[in-house]
């Protein structure tokens, strides 16, 4: 199996498992309070669970990991579903919330 290069856009494919992760710039914190973690989990419910099953997850102050099995790629108004698209929809809100 071909391994993707980090920071390269990768299209999700239904029926595949992906390791989705992100961290703060210069290892800065993403989560400062319990509320930040709960807010992020709500974003996972909203943007990930309609399209994928979360097989494993780990949220740490400076980064997170999700292992997801993609079921459905249909998203309105989006031509291409990529890991970075979902990450940006989930994490940008936290950074500026």
C-alpha atoms as a PDB file:
ATOM      1  CA  UNK A   1       0.000   0.000   0.000  1.00  0.00           C
ATOM      2  CA  UNK A   2       1.320   3.432  -0.920  1.00  0.00           C
ATOM      3  CA  UNK A   3       1.882   5.620   2.153  1.00  0.00           C
ATOM      4  CA  UNK A   4       0.765   9.265   1.804  1.00  0.00           C
ATOM      5  CA  UNK A   5       3.310  12.009   2.305  1.00  0.00           C
ATOM      6  CA  UNK A   6       2.603  14.199   5.327  1.00  0.00           C
ATOM      7  CA  UNK A   7       0.792  17.451   4.505  1.00  0.00           C
ATOM      8  CA  UNK A   8      -0.301  16.017   1.156  1.00  0.00           C
ATOM      9  CA  UNK A   9      -4.009  16.162   0.377  1.00  0.00           C
ATOM     10  CA  UNK A  10      -5.456  12.661   0.464  1.00  0.00           C
ATOM     11  CA  UNK A  11      -8.966  11.858  -0.706  1.00  0.00           C
ATOM     12  CA  UNK A  12     -10.977   9.667   1.626  1.00  0.00           C
ATOM     13  CA  UNK A  13     -12.362   6.486   0.102  1.00  0.00           C
ATOM     14  CA  UNK A  14     -15.394   4.661   1.463  1.00  0.00           C
ATOM     15  CA  UNK A  15     -14.557   1.364   3.145  1.00  0.00           C
ATOM     16  CA  UNK A  16     -11.041   2.430   4.156  1.00  0.00           C
ATOM     17  CA  UNK A  17      -9.537   3.168   7.566  1.00  0.00           C
ATOM     18  CA  UNK A  18      -7.613   6.408   8.156  1.00  0.00           C
ATOM     19  CA  UNK A  19      -5.445   7.800  10.934  1.00  0.00           C
ATOM     20  CA  UNK A  20      -6.465  11.453  11.197  1.00  0.00           C
ATOM     21  CA  UNK A  21      -4.326  13.658  13.393  1.00  0.00           C
ATOM     22  CA  UNK A  22      -3.372  17.250  13.951  1.00  0.00           C
ATOM     23  CA  UNK A  23      -1.405  19.293  16.437  1.00  0.00           C
ATOM     24  CA  UNK A  24      -1.054  22.919  17.380  1.00  0.00           C
ATOM     25  CA  UNK A  25       1.504  25.117  15.649  1.00  0.00           C
ATOM     26  CA  UNK A  26       4.877  24.757  17.363  1.00  0.00           C
ATOM     27  CA  UNK A  27       3.216  22.177  19.629  1.00  0.00           C
ATOM     28  CA  UNK A  28       0.966  24.831  21.144  1.00  0.00           C
ATOM     29  CA  UNK A  29      -2.081  23.678  23.069  1.00  0.00           C
ATOM     30  CA  UNK A  30      -5.308  22.973  21.236  1.00  0.00           C
ATOM     31  CA  UNK A  31      -7.299  22.252  24.381  1.00  0.00           C
ATOM     32  CA  UNK A  32      -7.114  24.552  27.400  1.00  0.00           C
ATOM     33  CA  UNK A  33     -10.179  23.517  29.387  1.00  0.00           C
ATOM     34  CA  UNK A  34     -12.548  20.569  29.727  1.00  0.00           C
ATOM     35  CA  UNK A  35     -15.012  22.626  27.701  1.00  0.00           C
ATOM     36  CA  UNK A  36     -12.581  22.708  24.763  1.00  0.00           C
ATOM     37  CA  UNK A  37     -12.473  18.894  24.732  1.00  0.00           C
ATOM     38  CA  UNK A  38     -16.276  18.671  24.894  1.00  0.00           C
ATOM     39  CA  UNK A  39     -16.614  21.241  22.105  1.00  0.00           C
ATOM     40  CA  UNK A  40     -14.239  19.196  19.913  1.00  0.00           C
ATOM     41  CA  UNK A  41     -16.131  15.973  20.620  1.00  0.00           C
ATOM     42  CA  UNK A  42     -19.326  17.718  19.545  1.00  0.00           C
ATOM     43  CA  UNK A  43     -17.592  18.703  16.272  1.00  0.00           C
ATOM     44  CA  UNK A  44     -16.638  15.047  15.755  1.00  0.00           C
ATOM     45  CA  UNK A  45     -20.303  14.107  16.228  1.00  0.00           C
ATOM     46  CA  UNK A  46     -21.389  16.762  13.747  1.00  0.00           C
ATOM     47  CA  UNK A  47     -18.764  16.430  11.000  1.00  0.00           C
ATOM     48  CA  UNK A  48     -17.260  12.940  11.285  1.00  0.00           C
ATOM     49  CA  UNK A  49     -19.899  10.523  12.593  1.00  0.00           C
ATOM     50  CA  UNK A  50     -22.336  11.111   9.721  1.00  0.00           C
ATOM     51  CA  UNK A  51     -19.607   9.832   7.361  1.00  0.00           C
ATOM     52  CA  UNK A  52     -17.348   7.536   9.375  1.00  0.00           C
ATOM     53  CA  UNK A  53     -17.145   5.298  12.416  1.00  0.00           C
ATOM     54  CA  UNK A  54     -14.566   6.363  14.994  1.00  0.00           C
ATOM     55  CA  UNK A  55     -12.641   3.198  15.842  1.00  0.00           C
ATOM     56  CA  UNK A  56     -10.190   4.825  18.262  1.00  0.00           C
ATOM     57  CA  UNK A  57      -9.434   8.322  19.468  1.00  0.00           C
ATOM     58  CA  UNK A  58      -7.040  10.170  21.726  1.00  0.00           C
ATOM     59  CA  UNK A  59      -7.284  13.855  22.647  1.00  0.00           C
ATOM     60  CA  UNK A  60      -4.232  15.417  24.273  1.00  0.00           C
ATOM     61  CA  UNK A  61      -3.589  19.060  25.149  1.00  0.00           C
ATOM     62  CA  UNK A  62      -1.381  19.703  22.099  1.00  0.00           C
ATOM     63  CA  UNK A  63      -2.751  17.248  19.539  1.00  0.00           C
ATOM     64  CA  UNK A  64      -5.299  14.562  18.728  1.00  0.00           C
ATOM     65  CA  UNK A  65      -5.573  11.257  16.903  1.00  0.00           C
ATOM     66  CA  UNK A  66      -8.642   9.650  15.356  1.00  0.00           C
ATOM     67  CA  UNK A  67      -8.808   6.267  13.653  1.00  0.00           C
ATOM     68  CA  UNK A  68     -11.851   6.319  11.414  1.00  0.00           C
ATOM     69  CA  UNK A  69     -13.528   3.888   9.046  1.00  0.00           C
ATOM     70  CA  UNK A  70     -15.135   5.874   6.229  1.00  0.00           C
ATOM     71  CA  UNK A  71     -18.677   4.791   5.369  1.00  0.00           C
ATOM     72  CA  UNK A  72     -20.165   7.599   3.305  1.00  0.00           C
ATOM     73  CA  UNK A  73     -18.483  10.425   1.426  1.00  0.00           C
ATOM     74  CA  UNK A  74     -21.571  12.456   0.562  1.00  0.00           C
ATOM     75  CA  UNK A  75     -21.213  15.994   1.888  1.00  0.00           C
ATOM     76  CA  UNK A  76     -23.254  18.859   0.515  1.00  0.00           C
ATOM     77  CA  UNK A  77     -21.390  21.665  -1.291  1.00  0.00           C
ATOM     78  CA  UNK A  78     -18.066  19.799  -1.224  1.00  0.00           C
ATOM     79  CA  UNK A  79     -16.491  18.373  -4.351  1.00  0.00           C
ATOM     80  CA  UNK A  80     -13.610  16.624  -2.608  1.00  0.00           C
ATOM     81  CA  UNK A  81     -13.563  15.262   0.929  1.00  0.00           C
ATOM     82  CA  UNK A  82     -10.056  15.236   2.363  1.00  0.00           C
ATOM     83  CA  UNK A  83      -8.681  14.753   5.874  1.00  0.00           C
ATOM     84  CA  UNK A  84      -7.501  18.361   5.928  1.00  0.00           C
ATOM     85  CA  UNK A  85     -11.027  19.564   5.070  1.00  0.00           C
ATOM     86  CA  UNK A  86     -12.545  17.762   8.057  1.00  0.00           C
ATOM     87  CA  UNK A  87      -9.690  18.794  10.346  1.00  0.00           C
ATOM     88  CA  UNK A  88     -10.032  22.444   9.351  1.00  0.00           C
ATOM     89  CA  UNK A  89     -13.787  22.353   9.949  1.00  0.00           C
ATOM     90  CA  UNK A  90     -13.201  20.908  13.425  1.00  0.00           C
ATOM     91  CA  UNK A  91     -10.048  22.655  14.647  1.00  0.00           C
ATOM     92  CA  UNK A  92     -10.266  26.171  13.266  1.00  0.00           C
ATOM     93  CA  UNK A  93     -13.377  26.719  15.335  1.00  0.00           C
ATOM     94  CA  UNK A  94     -11.552  25.666  18.493  1.00  0.00           C
ATOM     95  CA  UNK A  95      -8.598  27.954  17.840  1.00  0.00           C
ATOM     96  CA  UNK A  96     -10.825  31.005  17.476  1.00  0.00           C
ATOM     97  CA  UNK A  97     -13.686  30.023  19.783  1.00  0.00           C
END
